Structure formats: structure tokens, C-alpha cells
Amino acid sequence: MGMGFELLGLMLGALFVGQAVDKHFGWNGYGVALFVVVVMTSWMYHLIVLLKQFMTKVDDRDEKY
């Protein structure tokens, strides 16, 4: 559940920062799109790293028994 809130917070942050960038540079929604794509890509990478760590711990635990 925490990961869902983490993603929600990141998306809201990307929305607000993207809107500020759009307003500053006069981009018509491209800033929001850019920040959302960057946030989603980085969050997916973060998720994969966490899953690999989890799988390594599970494999180590299974070898001990």
C-alpha cells in the first residue's frame, strides 16, 4: 500500500512541477507529459531494484533450509 501512495505523491509532484514548467516556458502541456514519463520510468526502475533485492533474500532464505 505504501508503494501506491509513493507513486501517487510522485505523480502529484510531477503534475505541479510540470505545470510550473509549462507556465514558465510556454509549453502547452509538454512539461507535465515530460515529468510524468520521467517519474514513471524512475519509479518502475526503483520497483525492479526492490523486487530483485526481495528475490535475492527469498533465495538466500530457501537455501538455508
PDB file of N, CA and C in Angstrom:
ATOM      1  N   MET A   1       0.820  -1.179   0.000  1.00  0.00           N
ATOM      2  CA  MET A   1       0.000   0.000   0.000  1.00  0.00           C
ATOM      3  C   MET A   1       0.872   1.254   0.000  1.00  0.00           C
ATOM      4  N   GLY A   2       2.022   1.159   0.661  1.00  0.00           N
ATOM      5  CA  GLY A   2       2.926   2.298   0.720  1.00  0.00           C
ATOM      6  C   GLY A   2       3.461   2.672  -0.645  1.00  0.00           C
ATOM      7  N   MET A   3       3.674   1.669  -1.489  1.00  0.00           N
ATOM      8  CA  MET A   3       4.194   1.958  -2.827  1.00  0.00           C
ATOM      9  C   MET A   3       3.154   2.701  -3.664  1.00  0.00           C
ATOM     10  N   GLY A   4       1.901   2.411  -3.442  1.00  0.00           N
ATOM     11  CA  GLY A   4       0.843   3.125  -4.148  1.00  0.00           C
ATOM     12  C   GLY A   4       0.796   4.590  -3.758  1.00  0.00           C
ATOM     13  N   PHE A   5       0.942   4.862  -2.458  1.00  0.00           N
ATOM     14  CA  PHE A   5       0.977   6.247  -2.001  1.00  0.00           C
ATOM     15  C   PHE A   5       2.239   6.955  -2.498  1.00  0.00           C
ATOM     16  N   GLU A   6       3.338   6.202  -2.557  1.00  0.00           N
ATOM     17  CA  GLU A   6       4.575   6.762  -3.085  1.00  0.00           C
ATOM     18  C   GLU A   6       4.378   7.200  -4.544  1.00  0.00           C
ATOM     19  N   LEU A   7       3.768   6.338  -5.340  1.00  0.00           N
ATOM     20  CA  LEU A   7       3.525   6.665  -6.743  1.00  0.00           C
ATOM     21  C   LEU A   7       2.549   7.841  -6.872  1.00  0.00           C
ATOM     22  N   LEU A   8       1.525   7.853  -6.046  1.00  0.00           N
ATOM     23  CA  LEU A   8       0.565   8.963  -6.068  1.00  0.00           C
ATOM     24  C   LEU A   8       1.254  10.285  -5.752  1.00  0.00           C
ATOM     25  N   GLY A   9       2.093  10.295  -4.746  1.00  0.00           N
ATOM     26  CA  GLY A   9       2.820  11.509  -4.389  1.00  0.00           C
ATOM     27  C   GLY A   9       3.751  11.969  -5.502  1.00  0.00           C
ATOM     28  N   LEU A  10       4.425  11.019  -6.121  1.00  0.00           N
ATOM     29  CA  LEU A  10       5.309  11.364  -7.231  1.00  0.00           C
ATOM     30  C   LEU A  10       4.536  11.937  -8.412  1.00  0.00           C
ATOM     31  N   MET A  11       3.385  11.342  -8.703  1.00  0.00           N
ATOM     32  CA  MET A  11       2.577  11.828  -9.821  1.00  0.00           C
ATOM     33  C   MET A  11       2.040  13.239  -9.546  1.00  0.00           C
ATOM     34  N   LEU A  12       1.594  13.471  -8.322  1.00  0.00           N
ATOM     35  CA  LEU A  12       1.110  14.815  -7.979  1.00  0.00           C
ATOM     36  C   LEU A  12       2.243  15.835  -8.052  1.00  0.00           C
ATOM     37  N   GLY A  13       3.423  15.436  -7.578  1.00  0.00           N
ATOM     38  CA  GLY A  13       4.580  16.318  -7.676  1.00  0.00           C
ATOM     39  C   GLY A  13       4.946  16.605  -9.123  1.00  0.00           C
ATOM     40  N   ALA A  14       4.916  15.570  -9.969  1.00  0.00           N
ATOM     41  CA  ALA A  14       5.215  15.753 -11.389  1.00  0.00           C
ATOM     42  C   ALA A  14       4.184  16.665 -12.039  1.00  0.00           C
ATOM     43  N   LEU A  15       2.942  16.550 -11.626  1.00  0.00           N
ATOM     44  CA  LEU A  15       1.887  17.405 -12.175  1.00  0.00           C
ATOM     45  C   LEU A  15       2.131  18.869 -11.834  1.00  0.00           C
ATOM     46  N   PHE A  16       2.409  19.151 -10.564  1.00  0.00           N
ATOM     47  CA  PHE A  16       2.614  20.536 -10.143  1.00  0.00           C
ATOM     48  C   PHE A  16       3.890  21.128 -10.740  1.00  0.00           C
ATOM     49  N   VAL A  17       4.978  20.356 -10.732  1.00  0.00           N
ATOM     50  CA  VAL A  17       6.231  20.854 -11.313  1.00  0.00           C
ATOM     51  C   VAL A  17       6.070  21.033 -12.817  1.00  0.00           C
ATOM     52  N   GLY A  18       5.413  20.070 -13.470  1.00  0.00           N
ATOM     53  CA  GLY A  18       5.188  20.170 -14.905  1.00  0.00           C
ATOM     54  C   GLY A  18       4.348  21.381 -15.276  1.00  0.00           C
ATOM     55  N   GLN A  19       3.336  21.670 -14.478  1.00  0.00           N
ATOM     56  CA  GLN A  19       2.513  22.861 -14.740  1.00  0.00           C
ATOM     57  C   GLN A  19       3.327  24.141 -14.584  1.00  0.00           C
ATOM     58  N   ALA A  20       4.208  24.172 -13.584  1.00  0.00           N
ATOM     59  CA  ALA A  20       5.052  25.348 -13.390  1.00  0.00           C
ATOM     60  C   ALA A  20       6.017  25.515 -14.567  1.00  0.00           C
ATOM     61  N   VAL A  21       6.575  24.418 -15.040  1.00  0.00           N
ATOM     62  CA  VAL A  21       7.485  24.474 -16.189  1.00  0.00           C
ATOM     63  C   VAL A  21       6.718  24.908 -17.437  1.00  0.00           C
ATOM     64  N   ASP A  22       5.524  24.370 -17.626  1.00  0.00           N
ATOM     65  CA  ASP A  22       4.694  24.767 -18.764  1.00  0.00           C
ATOM     66  C   ASP A  22       4.407  26.270 -18.748  1.00  0.00           C
ATOM     67  N   LYS A  23       4.075  26.763 -17.570  1.00  0.00           N
ATOM     68  CA  LYS A  23       3.741  28.183 -17.450  1.00  0.00           C
ATOM     69  C   LYS A  23       4.981  29.054 -17.708  1.00  0.00           C
ATOM     70  N   HIS A  24       6.125  28.622 -17.192  1.00  0.00           N
ATOM     71  CA  HIS A  24       7.351  29.407 -17.334  1.00  0.00           C
ATOM     72  C   HIS A  24       7.843  29.447 -18.781  1.00  0.00           C
ATOM     73  N   PHE A  25       7.849  28.307 -19.453  1.00  0.00           N
ATOM     74  CA  PHE A  25       8.396  28.230 -20.804  1.00  0.00           C
ATOM     75  C   PHE A  25       7.335  28.361 -21.902  1.00  0.00           C
ATOM     76  N   GLY A  26       6.076  28.338 -21.535  1.00  0.00           N
ATOM     77  CA  GLY A  26       5.008  28.460 -22.515  1.00  0.00           C
ATOM     78  C   GLY A  26       4.765  27.182 -23.302  1.00  0.00           C
ATOM     79  N   TRP A  27       5.137  26.050 -22.725  1.00  0.00           N
ATOM     80  CA  TRP A  27       4.879  24.757 -23.368  1.00  0.00           C
ATOM     81  C   TRP A  27       3.427  24.401 -23.084  1.00  0.00           C
ATOM     82  N   ASN A  28       2.741  23.874 -24.025  1.00  0.00           N
ATOM     83  CA  ASN A  28       1.316  23.567 -23.847  1.00  0.00           C
ATOM     84  C   ASN A  28       1.112  22.133 -23.387  1.00  0.00           C
ATOM     85  N   GLY A  29       1.493  21.845 -22.166  1.00  0.00           N
ATOM     86  CA  GLY A  29       1.294  20.523 -21.607  1.00  0.00           C
ATOM     87  C   GLY A  29       2.476  19.586 -21.760  1.00  0.00           C
ATOM     88  N   TYR A  30       3.514  20.024 -22.466  1.00  0.00           N
ATOM     89  CA  TYR A  30       4.664  19.148 -22.680  1.00  0.00           C
ATOM     90  C   TYR A  30       5.485  18.948 -21.406  1.00  0.00           C
ATOM     91  N   GLY A  31       5.516  19.949 -20.561  1.00  0.00           N
ATOM     92  CA  GLY A  31       6.240  19.823 -19.298  1.00  0.00           C
ATOM     93  C   GLY A  31       5.619  18.768 -18.397  1.00  0.00           C
ATOM     94  N   VAL A  32       4.297  18.773 -18.307  1.00  0.00           N
ATOM     95  CA  VAL A  32       3.600  17.772 -17.494  1.00  0.00           C
ATOM     96  C   VAL A  32       3.855  16.378 -18.061  1.00  0.00           C
ATOM     97  N   ALA A  33       3.739  16.236 -19.375  1.00  0.00           N
ATOM     98  CA  ALA A  33       3.965  14.941 -20.010  1.00  0.00           C
ATOM     99  C   ALA A  33       5.395  14.463 -19.771  1.00  0.00           C
ATOM    100  N   LEU A  34       6.349  15.364 -19.901  1.00  0.00           N
ATOM    101  CA  LEU A  34       7.749  15.010 -19.695  1.00  0.00           C
ATOM    102  C   LEU A  34       7.993  14.543 -18.266  1.00  0.00           C
ATOM    103  N   PHE A  35       7.505  15.304 -17.308  1.00  0.00           N
ATOM    104  CA  PHE A  35       7.735  14.942 -15.909  1.00  0.00           C
ATOM    105  C   PHE A  35       7.011  13.650 -15.526  1.00  0.00           C
ATOM    106  N   VAL A  36       5.834  13.414 -16.048  1.00  0.00           N
ATOM    107  CA  VAL A  36       5.110  12.182 -15.749  1.00  0.00           C
ATOM    108  C   VAL A  36       5.876  10.976 -16.312  1.00  0.00           C
ATOM    109  N   VAL A  37       6.386  11.098 -17.531  1.00  0.00           N
ATOM    110  CA  VAL A  37       7.154   9.997 -18.127  1.00  0.00           C
ATOM    111  C   VAL A  37       8.431   9.745 -17.334  1.00  0.00           C
ATOM    112  N   VAL A  38       9.128  10.803 -16.941  1.00  0.00           N
ATOM    113  CA  VAL A  38      10.363  10.644 -16.161  1.00  0.00           C
ATOM    114  C   VAL A  38      10.067   9.992 -14.809  1.00  0.00           C
ATOM    115  N   VAL A  39       9.007  10.444 -14.153  1.00  0.00           N
ATOM    116  CA  VAL A  39       8.650   9.888 -12.838  1.00  0.00           C
ATOM    117  C   VAL A  39       8.244   8.421 -12.965  1.00  0.00           C
ATOM    118  N   MET A  40       7.443   8.088 -13.962  1.00  0.00           N
ATOM    119  CA  MET A  40       7.022   6.694 -14.140  1.00  0.00           C
ATOM    120  C   MET A  40       8.213   5.791 -14.454  1.00  0.00           C
ATOM    121  N   THR A  41       9.116   6.264 -15.305  1.00  0.00           N
ATOM    122  CA  THR A  41      10.290   5.470 -15.650  1.00  0.00           C
ATOM    123  C   THR A  41      11.172   5.241 -14.430  1.00  0.00           C
ATOM    124  N   SER A  42      11.417   6.283 -13.675  1.00  0.00           N
ATOM    125  CA  SER A  42      12.266   6.135 -12.496  1.00  0.00           C
ATOM    126  C   SER A  42      11.594   5.287 -11.421  1.00  0.00           C
ATOM    127  N   TRP A  43      10.272   5.393 -11.285  1.00  0.00           N
ATOM    128  CA  TRP A  43       9.574   4.586 -10.288  1.00  0.00           C
ATOM    129  C   TRP A  43       9.588   3.110 -10.681  1.00  0.00           C
ATOM    130  N   MET A  44       9.442   2.827 -11.969  1.00  0.00           N
ATOM    131  CA  MET A  44       9.495   1.427 -12.427  1.00  0.00           C
ATOM    132  C   MET A  44      10.891   0.848 -12.201  1.00  0.00           C
ATOM    133  N   TYR A  45      11.936   1.632 -12.447  1.00  0.00           N
ATOM    134  CA  TYR A  45      13.298   1.185 -12.179  1.00  0.00           C
ATOM    135  C   TYR A  45      13.465   0.899 -10.684  1.00  0.00           C
ATOM    136  N   HIS A  46      12.959   1.790  -9.856  1.00  0.00           N
ATOM    137  CA  HIS A  46      13.009   1.614  -8.405  1.00  0.00           C
ATOM    138  C   HIS A  46      12.279   0.324  -7.998  1.00  0.00           C
ATOM    139  N   LEU A  47      11.138   0.064  -8.599  1.00  0.00           N
ATOM    140  CA  LEU A  47      10.367  -1.147  -8.308  1.00  0.00           C
ATOM    141  C   LEU A  47      11.146  -2.398  -8.694  1.00  0.00           C
ATOM    142  N   ILE A  48      11.784  -2.389  -9.847  1.00  0.00           N
ATOM    143  CA  ILE A  48      12.566  -3.548 -10.292  1.00  0.00           C
ATOM    144  C   ILE A  48      13.731  -3.805  -9.349  1.00  0.00           C
ATOM    145  N   VAL A  49      14.413  -2.751  -8.905  1.00  0.00           N
ATOM    146  CA  VAL A  49      15.523  -2.913  -7.961  1.00  0.00           C
ATOM    147  C   VAL A  49      15.024  -3.527  -6.657  1.00  0.00           C
ATOM    148  N   LEU A  50      13.903  -3.042  -6.155  1.00  0.00           N
ATOM    149  CA  LEU A  50      13.352  -3.595  -4.916  1.00  0.00           C
ATOM    150  C   LEU A  50      12.936  -5.054  -5.078  1.00  0.00           C
ATOM    151  N   LEU A  51      12.344  -5.395  -6.211  1.00  0.00           N
ATOM    152  CA  LEU A  51      11.938  -6.781  -6.441  1.00  0.00           C
ATOM    153  C   LEU A  51      13.141  -7.707  -6.545  1.00  0.00           C
ATOM    154  N   LYS A  52      14.224  -7.249  -7.168  1.00  0.00           N
ATOM    155  CA  LYS A  52      15.441  -8.068  -7.250  1.00  0.00           C
ATOM    156  C   LYS A  52      16.018  -8.307  -5.864  1.00  0.00           C
ATOM    157  N   GLN A  53      16.036  -7.271  -5.029  1.00  0.00           N
ATOM    158  CA  GLN A  53      16.526  -7.432  -3.660  1.00  0.00           C
ATOM    159  C   GLN A  53      15.652  -8.412  -2.887  1.00  0.00           C
ATOM    160  N   PHE A  54      14.362  -8.322  -3.054  1.00  0.00           N
ATOM    161  CA  PHE A  54      13.437  -9.216  -2.368  1.00  0.00           C
ATOM    162  C   PHE A  54      13.654 -10.656  -2.817  1.00  0.00           C
ATOM    163  N   MET A  55      13.811 -10.854  -4.126  1.00  0.00           N
ATOM    164  CA  MET A  55      14.006 -12.214  -4.648  1.00  0.00           C
ATOM    165  C   MET A  55      15.326 -12.802  -4.165  1.00  0.00           C
ATOM    166  N   THR A  56      16.356 -11.981  -4.035  1.00  0.00           N
ATOM    167  CA  THR A  56      17.643 -12.453  -3.522  1.00  0.00           C
ATOM    168  C   THR A  56      17.496 -12.891  -2.072  1.00  0.00           C
ATOM    169  N   LYS A  57      16.772 -12.133  -1.271  1.00  0.00           N
ATOM    170  CA  LYS A  57      16.560 -12.511   0.129  1.00  0.00           C
ATOM    171  C   LYS A  57      15.763 -13.803   0.233  1.00  0.00           C
ATOM    172  N   VAL A  58      14.760 -13.971  -0.619  1.00  0.00           N
ATOM    173  CA  VAL A  58      13.948 -15.192  -0.595  1.00  0.00           C
ATOM    174  C   VAL A  58      14.798 -16.381  -0.996  1.00  0.00           C
ATOM    175  N   ASP A  59      15.634 -16.231  -2.020  1.00  0.00           N
ATOM    176  CA  ASP A  59      16.505 -17.327  -2.461  1.00  0.00           C
ATOM    177  C   ASP A  59      17.494 -17.695  -1.373  1.00  0.00           C
ATOM    178  N   ASP A  60      18.082 -16.700  -0.691  1.00  0.00           N
ATOM    179  CA  ASP A  60      19.018 -16.972   0.392  1.00  0.00           C
ATOM    180  C   ASP A  60      18.330 -17.705   1.540  1.00  0.00           C
ATOM    181  N   ARG A  61      17.110 -17.316   1.842  1.00  0.00           N
ATOM    182  CA  ARG A  61      16.365 -17.957   2.921  1.00  0.00           C
ATOM    183  C   ARG A  61      16.038 -19.407   2.564  1.00  0.00           C
ATOM    184  N   ASP A  62      15.679 -19.654   1.303  1.00  0.00           N
ATOM    185  CA  ASP A  62      15.342 -21.011   0.878  1.00  0.00           C
ATOM    186  C   ASP A  62      16.552 -21.934   0.895  1.00  0.00           C
ATOM    187  N   GLU A  63      17.749 -21.413   0.638  1.00  0.00           N
ATOM    188  CA  GLU A  63      18.958 -22.232   0.635  1.00  0.00           C
ATOM    189  C   GLU A  63      19.351 -22.668   2.033  1.00  0.00           C
ATOM    190  N   LYS A  64      18.973 -21.907   3.042  1.00  0.00           N
ATOM    191  CA  LYS A  64      19.343 -22.236   4.421  1.00  0.00           C
ATOM    192  C   LYS A  64      18.551 -23.422   4.944  1.00  0.00           C
ATOM    193  N   TYR A  65      17.380 -23.683   4.359  1.00  0.00           N
ATOM    194  CA  TYR A  65      16.541 -24.774   4.867  1.00  0.00           C
ATOM    195  C   TYR A  65      16.699 -26.000   4.068  1.00  0.00           C
TER     196      TYR A  65
END
